[in-house]
N, C-alpha and C. Protein backbone atom coordinates (compact mmCIF):
# COMPACT_ATOMS: atom_id res chain seq x y z
N MET A 1 0.17 -14.15 5.15
CA MET A 1 -1.18 -14.40 5.57
C MET A 1 -2.15 -14.79 4.44
N GLN A 2 -2.96 -15.69 4.72
CA GLN A 2 -3.74 -16.21 3.65
C GLN A 2 -5.23 -16.12 3.97
N ASN A 3 -5.58 -15.79 5.18
CA ASN A 3 -7.05 -15.62 5.38
C ASN A 3 -7.63 -14.54 4.59
N CYS A 4 -8.90 -14.63 4.24
CA CYS A 4 -9.67 -13.62 3.52
C CYS A 4 -10.75 -13.04 4.28
N GLY A 5 -11.57 -12.15 3.62
CA GLY A 5 -12.74 -11.66 4.22
C GLY A 5 -12.60 -10.82 5.38
N SER A 6 -13.41 -11.12 6.39
CA SER A 6 -13.46 -10.10 7.60
C SER A 6 -12.05 -10.06 8.34
N VAL A 7 -11.32 -11.16 8.31
CA VAL A 7 -10.01 -11.22 8.97
C VAL A 7 -9.14 -10.17 8.41
N ASN A 8 -9.01 -10.09 7.07
CA ASN A 8 -8.14 -9.22 6.46
C ASN A 8 -8.66 -7.75 6.57
N VAL A 9 -9.96 -7.61 6.51
CA VAL A 9 -10.52 -6.20 6.65
C VAL A 9 -10.15 -5.68 8.08
N GLY A 10 -10.06 -6.52 8.97
CA GLY A 10 -9.82 -6.12 10.46
C GLY A 10 -8.25 -5.65 10.39
N VAL A 11 -7.44 -6.47 9.83
CA VAL A 11 -6.03 -6.10 9.71
C VAL A 11 -5.86 -4.70 8.97
N LEU A 12 -6.56 -4.67 7.84
CA LEU A 12 -6.50 -3.31 7.06
C LEU A 12 -6.82 -2.16 7.91
N ARG A 13 -7.84 -2.34 8.75
CA ARG A 13 -8.38 -1.06 9.49
C ARG A 13 -7.36 -0.65 10.52
N ASN A 14 -6.45 -1.66 10.94
CA ASN A 14 -5.38 -1.32 11.99
C ASN A 14 -4.16 -1.00 11.28
N ALA A 15 -3.97 -1.09 9.87
CA ALA A 15 -2.79 -0.76 9.24
C ALA A 15 -2.53 0.76 9.15
N ARG A 16 -1.29 1.08 9.36
CA ARG A 16 -0.85 2.42 9.22
C ARG A 16 0.25 2.75 8.26
N LEU A 17 1.15 1.67 8.04
CA LEU A 17 2.28 1.85 7.15
C LEU A 17 2.27 0.76 5.97
N TYR A 18 2.26 1.37 4.80
CA TYR A 18 2.00 0.56 3.53
C TYR A 18 3.17 0.82 2.62
N ALA A 19 3.82 -0.35 2.22
CA ALA A 19 5.17 -0.20 1.44
C ALA A 19 4.77 -0.81 0.03
N LEU A 20 5.29 -0.13 -1.02
CA LEU A 20 5.21 -0.49 -2.38
C LEU A 20 6.62 -0.94 -2.72
N VAL A 21 6.86 -2.18 -3.21
CA VAL A 21 8.11 -2.64 -3.56
C VAL A 21 8.12 -3.19 -5.01
N ASP A 22 9.38 -3.14 -5.61
CA ASP A 22 9.42 -3.79 -6.98
C ASP A 22 10.06 -5.15 -6.79
N THR A 23 10.54 -5.69 -7.74
CA THR A 23 11.13 -7.17 -7.83
C THR A 23 12.53 -7.18 -7.45
N CYS A 24 13.17 -6.05 -7.43
CA CYS A 24 14.66 -5.92 -7.02
C CYS A 24 15.41 -6.60 -8.05
N ALA A 25 16.76 -6.57 -7.93
CA ALA A 25 17.70 -7.08 -8.90
C ALA A 25 17.60 -8.49 -9.00
N ASP A 26 17.38 -9.13 -7.77
CA ASP A 26 17.36 -10.64 -7.81
C ASP A 26 16.47 -11.00 -6.65
N GLU A 27 16.43 -12.40 -6.47
CA GLU A 27 15.68 -12.94 -5.37
C GLU A 27 16.27 -12.69 -4.01
N ALA A 28 17.52 -12.71 -3.92
CA ALA A 28 18.17 -12.43 -2.58
C ALA A 28 17.94 -11.00 -2.18
N ALA A 29 18.14 -10.04 -3.06
CA ALA A 29 17.91 -8.70 -2.76
C ALA A 29 16.44 -8.42 -2.33
N PHE A 30 15.56 -9.11 -3.03
CA PHE A 30 14.13 -8.94 -2.69
C PHE A 30 13.74 -9.55 -1.41
N LYS A 31 14.23 -10.69 -1.11
CA LYS A 31 14.03 -11.37 0.25
C LYS A 31 14.59 -10.48 1.51
N LYS A 32 15.77 -9.89 1.21
CA LYS A 32 16.36 -9.08 2.26
C LYS A 32 15.44 -7.82 2.44
N ILE A 33 15.16 -7.16 1.50
CA ILE A 33 14.36 -5.88 1.77
C ILE A 33 12.98 -6.23 2.35
N ILE A 34 12.32 -7.27 1.92
CA ILE A 34 11.00 -7.56 2.48
C ILE A 34 11.18 -8.09 3.96
N THR A 35 12.18 -8.93 4.15
CA THR A 35 12.52 -9.24 5.64
C THR A 35 12.60 -8.11 6.50
N ASP A 36 13.55 -6.99 5.99
CA ASP A 36 13.79 -5.89 6.69
C ASP A 36 12.63 -4.91 6.98
N ILE A 37 11.82 -4.70 6.03
CA ILE A 37 10.69 -3.69 6.20
C ILE A 37 9.68 -4.31 7.00
N ILE A 38 9.41 -5.76 6.90
CA ILE A 38 8.53 -6.32 7.89
C ILE A 38 9.01 -6.15 9.32
N ALA A 39 10.28 -6.49 9.55
CA ALA A 39 10.76 -6.33 10.79
C ALA A 39 10.78 -4.90 11.35
N GLY A 40 10.82 -3.92 10.37
CA GLY A 40 10.75 -2.52 10.82
C GLY A 40 9.23 -2.13 11.10
N GLY A 41 8.23 -2.84 10.80
CA GLY A 41 6.91 -2.46 11.09
C GLY A 41 5.90 -2.37 10.10
N VAL A 42 6.30 -2.51 8.84
CA VAL A 42 5.27 -2.46 7.78
C VAL A 42 4.12 -3.23 7.89
N ASP A 43 3.03 -2.71 7.66
CA ASP A 43 1.62 -3.44 7.76
C ASP A 43 1.19 -4.01 6.54
N ILE A 44 1.39 -3.49 5.44
CA ILE A 44 1.00 -3.87 4.13
C ILE A 44 2.14 -3.81 3.19
N ILE A 45 2.23 -4.80 2.26
CA ILE A 45 3.25 -4.70 1.25
C ILE A 45 2.60 -4.88 -0.09
N GLN A 46 2.81 -4.00 -0.98
CA GLN A 46 2.26 -4.10 -2.43
C GLN A 46 3.43 -4.44 -3.31
N LEU A 47 3.21 -5.54 -4.03
CA LEU A 47 4.20 -5.84 -5.08
C LEU A 47 3.82 -5.23 -6.48
N ARG A 48 4.67 -4.13 -6.78
CA ARG A 48 4.38 -3.29 -7.93
C ARG A 48 5.65 -3.23 -8.82
N ASP A 49 5.59 -3.82 -10.02
CA ASP A 49 6.62 -3.70 -10.93
C ASP A 49 6.11 -3.80 -12.27
N LYS A 50 6.04 -2.69 -13.03
CA LYS A 50 5.38 -2.65 -14.29
C LYS A 50 6.20 -3.36 -15.32
N GLN A 51 7.54 -3.51 -15.10
CA GLN A 51 8.51 -4.07 -16.11
C GLN A 51 8.71 -5.61 -15.93
N ALA A 52 8.15 -6.13 -14.81
CA ALA A 52 8.38 -7.62 -14.53
C ALA A 52 7.43 -8.46 -15.23
N ASP A 53 7.87 -9.65 -15.70
CA ASP A 53 6.95 -10.64 -16.39
C ASP A 53 6.24 -11.29 -15.25
N ASP A 54 5.22 -12.19 -15.73
CA ASP A 54 4.38 -12.83 -14.81
C ASP A 54 4.98 -13.90 -13.99
N ARG A 55 6.00 -14.63 -14.55
CA ARG A 55 6.67 -15.58 -13.83
C ARG A 55 7.55 -15.03 -12.66
N THR A 56 8.15 -13.88 -13.06
CA THR A 56 8.91 -13.24 -11.90
C THR A 56 7.98 -12.66 -10.86
N LEU A 57 6.91 -12.12 -11.20
CA LEU A 57 5.93 -11.60 -10.19
C LEU A 57 5.51 -12.77 -9.19
N LEU A 58 5.24 -13.92 -9.84
CA LEU A 58 4.73 -15.12 -9.11
C LEU A 58 5.92 -15.60 -8.25
N ALA A 59 7.01 -15.68 -8.77
CA ALA A 59 8.18 -16.17 -7.88
C ALA A 59 8.49 -15.15 -6.71
N ARG A 60 8.41 -13.90 -6.91
CA ARG A 60 8.59 -12.93 -5.73
C ARG A 60 7.45 -13.02 -4.90
N SER A 61 6.22 -13.39 -5.34
CA SER A 61 5.06 -13.44 -4.45
C SER A 61 5.21 -14.54 -3.52
N LYS A 62 5.82 -15.74 -3.94
CA LYS A 62 6.06 -16.82 -3.07
C LYS A 62 7.18 -16.40 -1.92
N ILE A 63 8.09 -15.67 -2.31
CA ILE A 63 9.15 -15.28 -1.34
C ILE A 63 8.62 -14.33 -0.44
N LEU A 64 7.63 -13.43 -0.86
CA LEU A 64 6.92 -12.39 -0.06
C LEU A 64 6.15 -13.12 1.03
N LYS A 65 5.49 -14.07 0.48
CA LYS A 65 4.49 -14.83 1.40
C LYS A 65 5.28 -15.64 2.42
N ASP A 66 6.33 -16.16 2.19
CA ASP A 66 7.21 -17.02 2.93
C ASP A 66 7.75 -16.02 4.02
N CYS A 67 8.18 -14.85 3.66
CA CYS A 67 8.78 -13.95 4.54
C CYS A 67 7.69 -13.51 5.61
N ILE A 68 6.48 -13.27 5.13
CA ILE A 68 5.40 -12.88 6.10
C ILE A 68 5.12 -14.04 7.03
N ALA A 69 5.08 -15.24 6.54
CA ALA A 69 4.78 -16.43 7.42
C ALA A 69 5.82 -16.53 8.35
N ALA A 70 7.07 -16.31 8.09
CA ALA A 70 8.17 -16.51 8.93
C ALA A 70 8.22 -15.47 10.06
N SER A 71 7.73 -14.43 9.62
CA SER A 71 7.71 -13.14 10.61
C SER A 71 6.66 -13.35 11.74
N GLN A 72 5.68 -14.21 11.40
CA GLN A 72 4.57 -14.36 12.39
C GLN A 72 3.71 -13.07 12.65
N ARG A 73 3.81 -12.13 11.85
CA ARG A 73 3.09 -10.80 11.82
C ARG A 73 1.98 -10.83 10.83
N ASN A 74 0.81 -10.12 11.16
CA ASN A 74 -0.28 -10.09 10.27
C ASN A 74 -0.01 -9.05 9.25
N VAL A 75 0.83 -9.22 8.34
CA VAL A 75 1.18 -8.25 7.13
C VAL A 75 0.41 -8.71 6.01
N LEU A 76 -0.20 -7.79 5.31
CA LEU A 76 -1.02 -8.02 4.13
C LEU A 76 -0.18 -8.03 2.88
N PHE A 77 -0.43 -8.75 1.91
CA PHE A 77 0.22 -8.89 0.65
C PHE A 77 -0.82 -8.50 -0.45
N ILE A 78 -0.43 -7.33 -1.11
CA ILE A 78 -1.37 -6.77 -2.12
C ILE A 78 -0.64 -6.85 -3.48
N MET A 79 -1.24 -7.43 -4.49
CA MET A 79 -0.61 -7.36 -5.83
C MET A 79 -1.23 -6.10 -6.66
N ASN A 80 -0.29 -5.53 -7.23
CA ASN A 80 -0.57 -4.23 -8.00
C ASN A 80 -1.17 -4.63 -9.38
N ASP A 81 -2.27 -4.08 -9.72
CA ASP A 81 -2.85 -4.06 -11.06
C ASP A 81 -3.54 -5.36 -11.67
N ARG A 82 -3.00 -6.51 -11.07
CA ARG A 82 -3.33 -7.76 -11.67
C ARG A 82 -4.22 -8.65 -10.76
N PRO A 83 -5.53 -8.54 -10.98
CA PRO A 83 -6.37 -9.42 -10.23
C PRO A 83 -6.11 -10.92 -10.48
N ASP A 84 -5.85 -11.27 -11.68
CA ASP A 84 -5.68 -12.69 -12.05
C ASP A 84 -4.44 -13.25 -11.27
N LEU A 85 -3.26 -12.49 -11.22
CA LEU A 85 -2.17 -12.90 -10.48
C LEU A 85 -2.33 -12.92 -8.96
N ALA A 86 -3.16 -11.89 -8.47
CA ALA A 86 -3.48 -11.88 -7.07
C ALA A 86 -4.10 -13.15 -6.67
N VAL A 87 -5.00 -13.72 -7.36
CA VAL A 87 -5.72 -15.01 -7.16
C VAL A 87 -4.82 -16.15 -7.16
N ILE A 88 -4.08 -16.13 -8.23
CA ILE A 88 -3.10 -17.20 -8.46
C ILE A 88 -2.01 -17.27 -7.43
N ALA A 89 -1.46 -16.16 -6.96
CA ALA A 89 -0.47 -15.97 -6.01
C ALA A 89 -0.91 -16.19 -4.61
N GLY A 90 -2.16 -16.16 -4.34
CA GLY A 90 -2.78 -16.31 -2.99
C GLY A 90 -2.42 -15.01 -2.35
N ALA A 91 -2.56 -13.80 -2.89
CA ALA A 91 -2.41 -12.50 -2.23
C ALA A 91 -3.68 -12.28 -1.39
N ASP A 92 -3.44 -11.30 -0.55
CA ASP A 92 -4.53 -10.90 0.31
C ASP A 92 -5.53 -9.88 -0.38
N GLY A 93 -5.01 -9.27 -1.53
CA GLY A 93 -5.71 -8.32 -2.28
C GLY A 93 -5.04 -7.84 -3.41
N VAL A 94 -5.70 -6.89 -4.16
CA VAL A 94 -5.21 -6.37 -5.40
C VAL A 94 -5.39 -4.87 -5.38
N HIS A 95 -4.52 -4.06 -5.97
CA HIS A 95 -4.72 -2.60 -5.96
C HIS A 95 -4.79 -2.19 -7.53
N VAL A 96 -5.66 -1.33 -7.93
CA VAL A 96 -5.80 -0.88 -9.23
C VAL A 96 -5.79 0.68 -9.32
N GLY A 97 -5.51 1.12 -10.40
CA GLY A 97 -5.46 2.56 -10.66
C GLY A 97 -6.78 3.05 -11.35
N GLN A 98 -6.75 4.43 -11.76
CA GLN A 98 -7.93 4.78 -12.45
C GLN A 98 -8.02 4.34 -13.90
N GLU A 99 -6.86 3.87 -14.47
CA GLU A 99 -6.88 3.39 -15.81
C GLU A 99 -6.93 1.89 -15.91
N GLU A 100 -7.02 1.22 -14.90
CA GLU A 100 -7.11 -0.29 -14.84
C GLU A 100 -8.59 -0.71 -14.73
N LEU A 101 -8.83 -2.00 -14.65
CA LEU A 101 -10.17 -2.48 -14.52
C LEU A 101 -10.99 -1.81 -13.36
N PRO A 102 -12.24 -1.42 -13.51
CA PRO A 102 -13.02 -0.82 -12.48
C PRO A 102 -13.22 -1.87 -11.29
N VAL A 103 -13.42 -1.31 -10.12
CA VAL A 103 -13.52 -2.01 -8.83
C VAL A 103 -14.61 -3.11 -8.95
N PRO A 104 -15.85 -2.84 -9.43
CA PRO A 104 -16.86 -3.93 -9.52
C PRO A 104 -16.40 -5.08 -10.29
N LEU A 105 -15.72 -4.82 -11.40
CA LEU A 105 -15.32 -5.98 -12.22
C LEU A 105 -14.22 -6.61 -11.44
N VAL A 106 -13.30 -5.92 -11.00
CA VAL A 106 -12.21 -6.61 -10.11
C VAL A 106 -12.78 -7.48 -8.99
N ARG A 107 -13.87 -6.96 -8.36
CA ARG A 107 -14.43 -7.60 -7.26
C ARG A 107 -15.11 -9.01 -7.80
N GLN A 108 -15.61 -9.01 -8.93
CA GLN A 108 -16.04 -10.22 -9.59
C GLN A 108 -15.04 -11.25 -9.77
N MET A 109 -13.73 -10.83 -10.05
CA MET A 109 -12.66 -11.69 -10.34
C MET A 109 -11.98 -12.16 -9.07
N VAL A 110 -11.99 -11.35 -7.99
CA VAL A 110 -11.13 -11.83 -6.81
C VAL A 110 -11.97 -12.15 -5.60
N GLY A 111 -13.29 -12.15 -5.74
CA GLY A 111 -14.20 -12.53 -4.61
C GLY A 111 -13.90 -11.69 -3.30
N THR A 112 -13.59 -12.49 -2.30
CA THR A 112 -13.41 -11.72 -0.95
C THR A 112 -12.14 -11.15 -0.70
N LEU A 113 -11.19 -11.15 -1.64
CA LEU A 113 -9.97 -10.50 -1.49
C LEU A 113 -10.16 -8.91 -1.40
N LEU A 114 -9.14 -8.30 -0.67
CA LEU A 114 -9.34 -6.98 -0.60
C LEU A 114 -8.97 -6.18 -1.90
N VAL A 115 -9.79 -5.08 -2.19
CA VAL A 115 -9.60 -4.34 -3.43
C VAL A 115 -9.34 -2.93 -3.04
N GLY A 116 -8.10 -2.38 -3.43
CA GLY A 116 -7.89 -0.95 -3.19
C GLY A 116 -7.79 -0.22 -4.59
N VAL A 117 -7.89 1.15 -4.49
CA VAL A 117 -7.87 1.84 -5.86
C VAL A 117 -7.14 3.19 -5.50
N SER A 118 -6.37 3.62 -6.53
CA SER A 118 -5.78 4.90 -6.43
C SER A 118 -6.79 6.01 -6.79
N THR A 119 -6.71 7.05 -6.03
CA THR A 119 -7.62 8.23 -6.23
C THR A 119 -6.90 9.51 -6.11
N HIS A 120 -7.23 10.48 -7.04
CA HIS A 120 -6.60 11.85 -7.16
C HIS A 120 -7.49 12.95 -6.90
N SER A 121 -8.70 12.70 -6.68
CA SER A 121 -9.75 13.71 -6.41
C SER A 121 -10.88 13.21 -5.46
N ILE A 122 -11.59 14.09 -4.87
CA ILE A 122 -12.55 13.62 -3.95
C ILE A 122 -13.74 12.90 -4.73
N GLU A 123 -13.99 13.34 -5.94
CA GLU A 123 -15.07 12.58 -6.81
C GLU A 123 -14.54 11.18 -6.95
N GLN A 124 -13.32 10.87 -7.21
CA GLN A 124 -12.83 9.54 -7.47
C GLN A 124 -12.97 8.74 -6.09
N ALA A 125 -12.71 9.44 -5.03
CA ALA A 125 -12.69 8.80 -3.70
C ALA A 125 -14.28 8.30 -3.52
N ARG A 126 -15.00 9.25 -3.68
CA ARG A 126 -16.43 8.89 -3.46
C ARG A 126 -16.89 7.82 -4.35
N GLN A 127 -16.45 7.68 -5.56
CA GLN A 127 -16.82 6.63 -6.52
C GLN A 127 -16.21 5.32 -6.08
N ALA A 128 -15.01 5.40 -5.50
CA ALA A 128 -14.31 4.20 -5.00
C ALA A 128 -15.27 3.56 -3.85
N VAL A 129 -15.77 4.42 -2.99
CA VAL A 129 -16.64 3.88 -1.88
C VAL A 129 -17.89 3.34 -2.43
N LEU A 130 -18.48 3.99 -3.41
CA LEU A 130 -19.74 3.54 -4.05
C LEU A 130 -19.46 2.20 -4.74
N ASP A 131 -18.20 2.00 -5.30
CA ASP A 131 -17.95 0.78 -6.11
C ASP A 131 -17.65 -0.47 -5.12
N GLY A 132 -17.43 -0.09 -3.87
CA GLY A 132 -17.13 -1.13 -3.05
C GLY A 132 -15.73 -1.37 -2.68
N ALA A 133 -14.84 -0.45 -2.95
CA ALA A 133 -13.37 -0.57 -2.55
C ALA A 133 -13.25 -0.78 -1.17
N ASP A 134 -12.28 -1.51 -0.60
CA ASP A 134 -11.95 -1.71 0.73
C ASP A 134 -11.09 -0.53 1.25
N TYR A 135 -10.32 0.09 0.43
CA TYR A 135 -9.44 1.09 0.86
C TYR A 135 -9.01 1.97 -0.38
N ILE A 136 -8.45 3.10 -0.17
CA ILE A 136 -8.05 4.00 -1.19
C ILE A 136 -6.64 4.47 -0.98
N GLY A 137 -5.96 4.73 -2.03
CA GLY A 137 -4.67 5.46 -1.99
C GLY A 137 -5.14 6.86 -2.40
N ALA A 138 -4.46 7.81 -1.58
CA ALA A 138 -4.92 9.36 -1.89
C ALA A 138 -3.66 10.14 -2.21
N GLY A 139 -3.73 10.57 -3.43
CA GLY A 139 -2.58 11.46 -3.77
C GLY A 139 -2.51 11.63 -5.29
N PRO A 140 -1.35 12.06 -5.87
CA PRO A 140 -0.09 12.20 -5.14
C PRO A 140 -0.11 13.49 -4.27
N VAL A 141 0.43 13.29 -3.12
CA VAL A 141 0.47 14.44 -2.12
C VAL A 141 1.66 15.43 -2.60
N TYR A 142 2.80 14.86 -2.87
CA TYR A 142 4.06 15.52 -3.30
C TYR A 142 4.53 14.93 -4.51
N GLU A 143 5.55 15.49 -5.14
CA GLU A 143 6.32 14.90 -6.25
C GLU A 143 6.85 13.56 -5.81
N SER A 144 6.74 12.51 -6.67
CA SER A 144 7.25 11.23 -6.32
C SER A 144 8.46 10.93 -7.16
N ALA A 145 9.30 10.19 -6.45
CA ALA A 145 10.60 9.64 -7.06
C ALA A 145 10.23 8.43 -8.00
N THR A 146 9.15 7.93 -7.89
CA THR A 146 8.86 6.53 -8.56
C THR A 146 7.78 6.71 -9.51
N LYS A 147 7.07 7.74 -9.59
CA LYS A 147 6.04 7.94 -10.64
C LYS A 147 5.70 9.43 -10.84
N LYS A 148 5.62 9.86 -12.06
CA LYS A 148 5.59 11.16 -12.50
C LYS A 148 3.94 11.48 -12.70
N PHE A 149 3.58 12.69 -12.24
CA PHE A 149 2.19 13.12 -12.37
C PHE A 149 2.22 14.45 -12.99
N THR A 150 1.20 14.82 -13.85
CA THR A 150 0.94 16.13 -14.38
C THR A 150 0.45 17.07 -13.36
N GLN A 151 -0.18 16.52 -12.43
CA GLN A 151 -0.88 17.43 -11.33
C GLN A 151 -0.87 16.79 -9.99
N LEU A 152 -0.56 17.60 -8.94
CA LEU A 152 -0.62 16.88 -7.64
C LEU A 152 -2.00 17.20 -6.97
N ALA A 153 -2.45 16.20 -6.20
CA ALA A 153 -3.70 16.32 -5.46
C ALA A 153 -3.35 17.09 -4.28
N GLY A 154 -2.26 16.93 -3.64
CA GLY A 154 -1.97 17.82 -2.56
C GLY A 154 -2.55 17.49 -1.12
N LEU A 155 -2.16 18.45 -0.14
CA LEU A 155 -2.70 18.28 1.21
C LEU A 155 -4.22 18.50 1.28
N ASP A 156 -4.72 19.52 0.36
CA ASP A 156 -6.06 19.87 0.39
C ASP A 156 -6.85 18.61 0.21
N TYR A 157 -6.43 17.82 -0.71
CA TYR A 157 -7.23 16.58 -0.93
C TYR A 157 -7.26 15.70 0.16
N LEU A 158 -6.16 15.51 0.81
CA LEU A 158 -6.18 14.72 2.10
C LEU A 158 -7.23 15.17 3.05
N ARG A 159 -7.27 16.61 3.30
CA ARG A 159 -8.23 17.16 4.21
C ARG A 159 -9.61 16.76 3.86
N LYS A 160 -9.98 16.77 2.56
CA LYS A 160 -11.28 16.36 2.11
C LYS A 160 -11.44 14.86 2.35
N VAL A 161 -10.61 14.06 2.07
CA VAL A 161 -10.66 12.64 2.34
C VAL A 161 -10.94 12.39 3.84
N ALA A 162 -10.13 13.10 4.73
CA ALA A 162 -10.25 12.85 6.18
C ALA A 162 -11.66 13.23 6.69
N ALA A 163 -12.23 14.25 6.07
CA ALA A 163 -13.57 14.86 6.49
C ALA A 163 -14.72 13.97 5.95
N GLU A 164 -14.52 13.22 4.97
CA GLU A 164 -15.72 12.67 4.27
C GLU A 164 -15.59 11.13 4.09
N ILE A 165 -14.45 10.52 3.78
CA ILE A 165 -14.17 9.17 3.38
C ILE A 165 -13.94 8.31 4.60
N GLU A 166 -14.86 7.18 4.73
CA GLU A 166 -14.78 6.51 5.98
C GLU A 166 -14.03 5.30 5.79
N ILE A 167 -13.77 4.71 4.56
CA ILE A 167 -12.88 3.57 4.42
C ILE A 167 -11.40 4.00 4.54
N PRO A 168 -10.51 3.07 4.85
CA PRO A 168 -9.05 3.36 5.15
C PRO A 168 -8.67 4.08 3.89
N ALA A 169 -7.74 5.28 4.14
CA ALA A 169 -7.25 6.03 3.08
C ALA A 169 -5.64 6.14 3.38
N PHE A 170 -4.87 5.82 2.41
CA PHE A 170 -3.36 6.06 2.65
C PHE A 170 -2.92 7.23 1.73
N ALA A 171 -2.26 8.17 2.34
CA ALA A 171 -1.64 9.18 1.64
C ALA A 171 -0.47 8.66 0.93
N ILE A 172 -0.24 9.04 -0.22
CA ILE A 172 0.74 8.49 -1.13
C ILE A 172 1.38 9.64 -2.03
N GLY A 173 2.68 9.39 -2.37
CA GLY A 173 3.36 10.38 -3.33
C GLY A 173 4.18 11.21 -2.52
N GLY A 174 5.56 10.86 -2.64
CA GLY A 174 6.56 11.71 -2.04
C GLY A 174 6.54 11.82 -0.53
N ILE A 175 5.93 10.90 0.14
CA ILE A 175 5.91 10.94 1.73
C ILE A 175 7.25 10.48 2.21
N THR A 176 7.78 11.54 3.01
CA THR A 176 9.04 11.26 3.66
C THR A 176 8.82 11.48 5.22
N GLU A 177 9.79 11.15 6.04
CA GLU A 177 9.62 11.32 7.49
C GLU A 177 9.48 12.74 7.86
N GLU A 178 10.16 13.69 7.04
CA GLU A 178 10.18 15.09 7.37
C GLU A 178 8.78 15.67 7.11
N ARG A 179 8.09 15.06 6.16
CA ARG A 179 6.64 15.52 5.72
C ARG A 179 5.42 14.96 6.53
N LEU A 180 5.88 14.03 7.46
CA LEU A 180 4.79 13.30 8.17
C LEU A 180 3.78 14.21 8.95
N GLU A 181 4.49 15.16 9.53
CA GLU A 181 3.71 16.01 10.51
C GLU A 181 2.56 16.83 9.73
N GLU A 182 2.93 17.38 8.52
CA GLU A 182 1.84 18.13 7.86
C GLU A 182 0.93 17.14 7.17
N VAL A 183 1.35 16.01 6.80
CA VAL A 183 0.41 14.94 6.32
C VAL A 183 -0.59 14.66 7.42
N PHE A 184 -0.09 14.24 8.59
CA PHE A 184 -1.00 13.90 9.73
C PHE A 184 -1.96 15.00 10.08
N GLN A 185 -1.43 16.32 9.93
CA GLN A 185 -2.34 17.39 10.30
C GLN A 185 -3.63 17.49 9.44
N THR A 186 -3.64 16.83 8.30
CA THR A 186 -4.74 16.74 7.55
C THR A 186 -5.83 15.91 7.98
N GLY A 187 -5.42 15.01 8.93
CA GLY A 187 -6.40 14.08 9.54
C GLY A 187 -6.23 12.67 8.92
N VAL A 188 -5.58 12.57 7.76
CA VAL A 188 -5.23 11.21 7.22
C VAL A 188 -4.04 10.72 8.03
N ARG A 189 -4.27 9.41 8.63
CA ARG A 189 -3.35 8.80 9.47
C ARG A 189 -2.56 7.67 8.99
N ARG A 190 -2.79 7.40 7.68
CA ARG A 190 -2.13 6.25 7.09
C ARG A 190 -1.30 6.64 5.93
N ILE A 191 -0.11 6.09 5.76
CA ILE A 191 0.82 6.49 4.66
C ILE A 191 1.20 5.35 3.89
N ALA A 192 1.38 5.56 2.64
CA ALA A 192 2.03 4.56 1.70
C ALA A 192 3.35 5.14 1.07
N VAL A 193 4.52 4.29 1.24
CA VAL A 193 5.73 4.83 0.83
C VAL A 193 6.45 3.72 -0.19
N SER A 194 7.37 4.28 -0.82
CA SER A 194 8.16 3.29 -1.78
C SER A 194 9.60 3.72 -1.67
N SER A 195 10.00 4.80 -2.28
CA SER A 195 11.53 5.02 -2.40
C SER A 195 12.07 5.39 -1.11
N VAL A 196 11.37 5.91 -0.08
CA VAL A 196 11.97 6.11 1.17
C VAL A 196 12.38 4.87 1.87
N LEU A 197 11.83 3.67 1.45
CA LEU A 197 12.27 2.33 1.94
C LEU A 197 13.23 1.66 0.90
N MET A 198 12.85 1.65 -0.31
CA MET A 198 13.59 0.92 -1.35
C MET A 198 14.96 1.54 -1.49
N GLY A 199 15.06 2.87 -1.34
CA GLY A 199 16.26 3.51 -1.62
C GLY A 199 17.18 3.77 -0.28
N ALA A 200 16.71 3.24 0.78
CA ALA A 200 17.29 3.53 2.08
C ALA A 200 18.47 2.58 2.16
N ASP A 201 19.66 3.19 2.86
CA ASP A 201 20.73 2.19 3.21
C ASP A 201 20.38 1.12 4.24
N ASN A 202 19.45 1.40 5.06
CA ASN A 202 18.87 0.52 5.95
C ASN A 202 17.46 0.50 6.11
N PRO A 203 16.73 -0.32 5.22
CA PRO A 203 15.40 -0.31 5.08
C PRO A 203 14.56 -0.58 6.41
N LYS A 204 15.23 -1.47 7.16
CA LYS A 204 14.57 -1.81 8.45
C LYS A 204 14.38 -0.56 9.37
N GLU A 205 15.57 0.15 9.43
CA GLU A 205 15.51 1.33 10.30
C GLU A 205 14.69 2.43 9.82
N ALA A 206 14.70 2.50 8.45
CA ALA A 206 13.90 3.56 7.77
C ALA A 206 12.40 3.25 8.11
N ALA A 207 11.96 2.05 8.01
CA ALA A 207 10.58 1.68 8.33
C ALA A 207 10.29 1.85 9.82
N LYS A 208 11.21 1.46 10.53
CA LYS A 208 11.02 1.67 12.04
C LYS A 208 10.90 3.00 12.47
N SER A 209 11.56 3.92 11.77
CA SER A 209 11.48 5.30 12.21
C SER A 209 10.20 5.95 11.69
N LEU A 210 9.73 5.52 10.52
CA LEU A 210 8.36 5.95 10.14
C LEU A 210 7.32 5.45 11.13
N TRP A 211 7.43 4.26 11.47
CA TRP A 211 6.45 3.57 12.48
C TRP A 211 6.48 4.30 13.79
N CYS A 212 7.65 4.54 14.25
CA CYS A 212 7.78 5.29 15.56
C CYS A 212 7.26 6.71 15.47
N ARG A 213 7.51 7.37 14.43
CA ARG A 213 7.05 8.83 14.33
C ARG A 213 5.48 8.75 14.29
N HIS A 214 4.90 7.80 13.59
CA HIS A 214 3.36 7.69 13.65
C HIS A 214 2.90 7.41 14.97
N ARG A 215 3.56 6.61 15.79
CA ARG A 215 2.97 6.30 17.06
C ARG A 215 3.19 7.38 17.97
N GLN A 216 4.25 8.16 17.82
CA GLN A 216 4.46 9.37 18.60
C GLN A 216 3.35 10.45 18.27
N SER A 217 3.09 10.51 17.00
CA SER A 217 2.13 11.51 16.75
C SER A 217 0.57 11.19 17.28
N ASP A 218 0.41 9.87 17.67
CA ASP A 218 -0.90 9.41 18.24
C ASP A 218 -0.86 9.75 19.69
N SER A 219 0.30 10.02 20.26
CA SER A 219 0.30 10.23 21.69
C SER A 219 -0.31 11.50 22.07
N PRO A 220 -1.02 11.57 23.23
CA PRO A 220 -1.62 12.84 23.66
C PRO A 220 -0.62 13.94 24.01
C-alpha cells in the first residue's frame, strides 16, 4: 500500500494485529512468512532487524511491498527506527523507540507518513500524543523472546493507556494467544507480536488464530 495521509490513518484505526518481522535467512524465507502472515490476517507489518545492512533492508522492503500488493489487502508497511529508509523504501510509516530520534524531528523527515513510538509508561504515552505520534506501542507487557527489558510495564500500564490515550495503542511484549484474554480485559484491543509468528511452524495459521480470537472477544 502506498497511499499516505488520511487513507493510512483510516487503515491504522481499523488495525488490530501488528507483526514485527526480521529479514529472515534469505529472500525466499522472508517472502514465504510475509505471504503467510498477510493471508492469516495481519494488518500491519514492521520490518525490524537491528543486524541487517541498509541494502538488505531495502531489498526486503521491496519484497514486502510486492507481497502486500499481490494480496490486495490494505496492510500497512512500517520501517523500524529508520525514517530515511522509510521514505526511500516507500513505506507507510516508521516506528521509533525512546532512544531514537524524537517524534517531531521524525515528522519533519517523513512528512505525511505514519509515525509510531514505543512507550513504557503513561508519561511517555502522553508525550507521544503531544508530539503528534499516530500510534504507540505499549509495553513490554510480559517477558519477550525477542528483546530484553530491565522492567516490565505490565497490564497495569495497559489499563492506564486504555483509560486515557485516544490514539491507537498496541500491546507488545510476550503477547501469546493464551494471554490475549487478560490483555483485552485491560481495554487495549490491539496487539503487536513477533516470535509467536516468526517462530511458528505455520505462521499463517498462527496469525489466523490470533485474528479469530480477537474477533471472538469482540462478540457480545
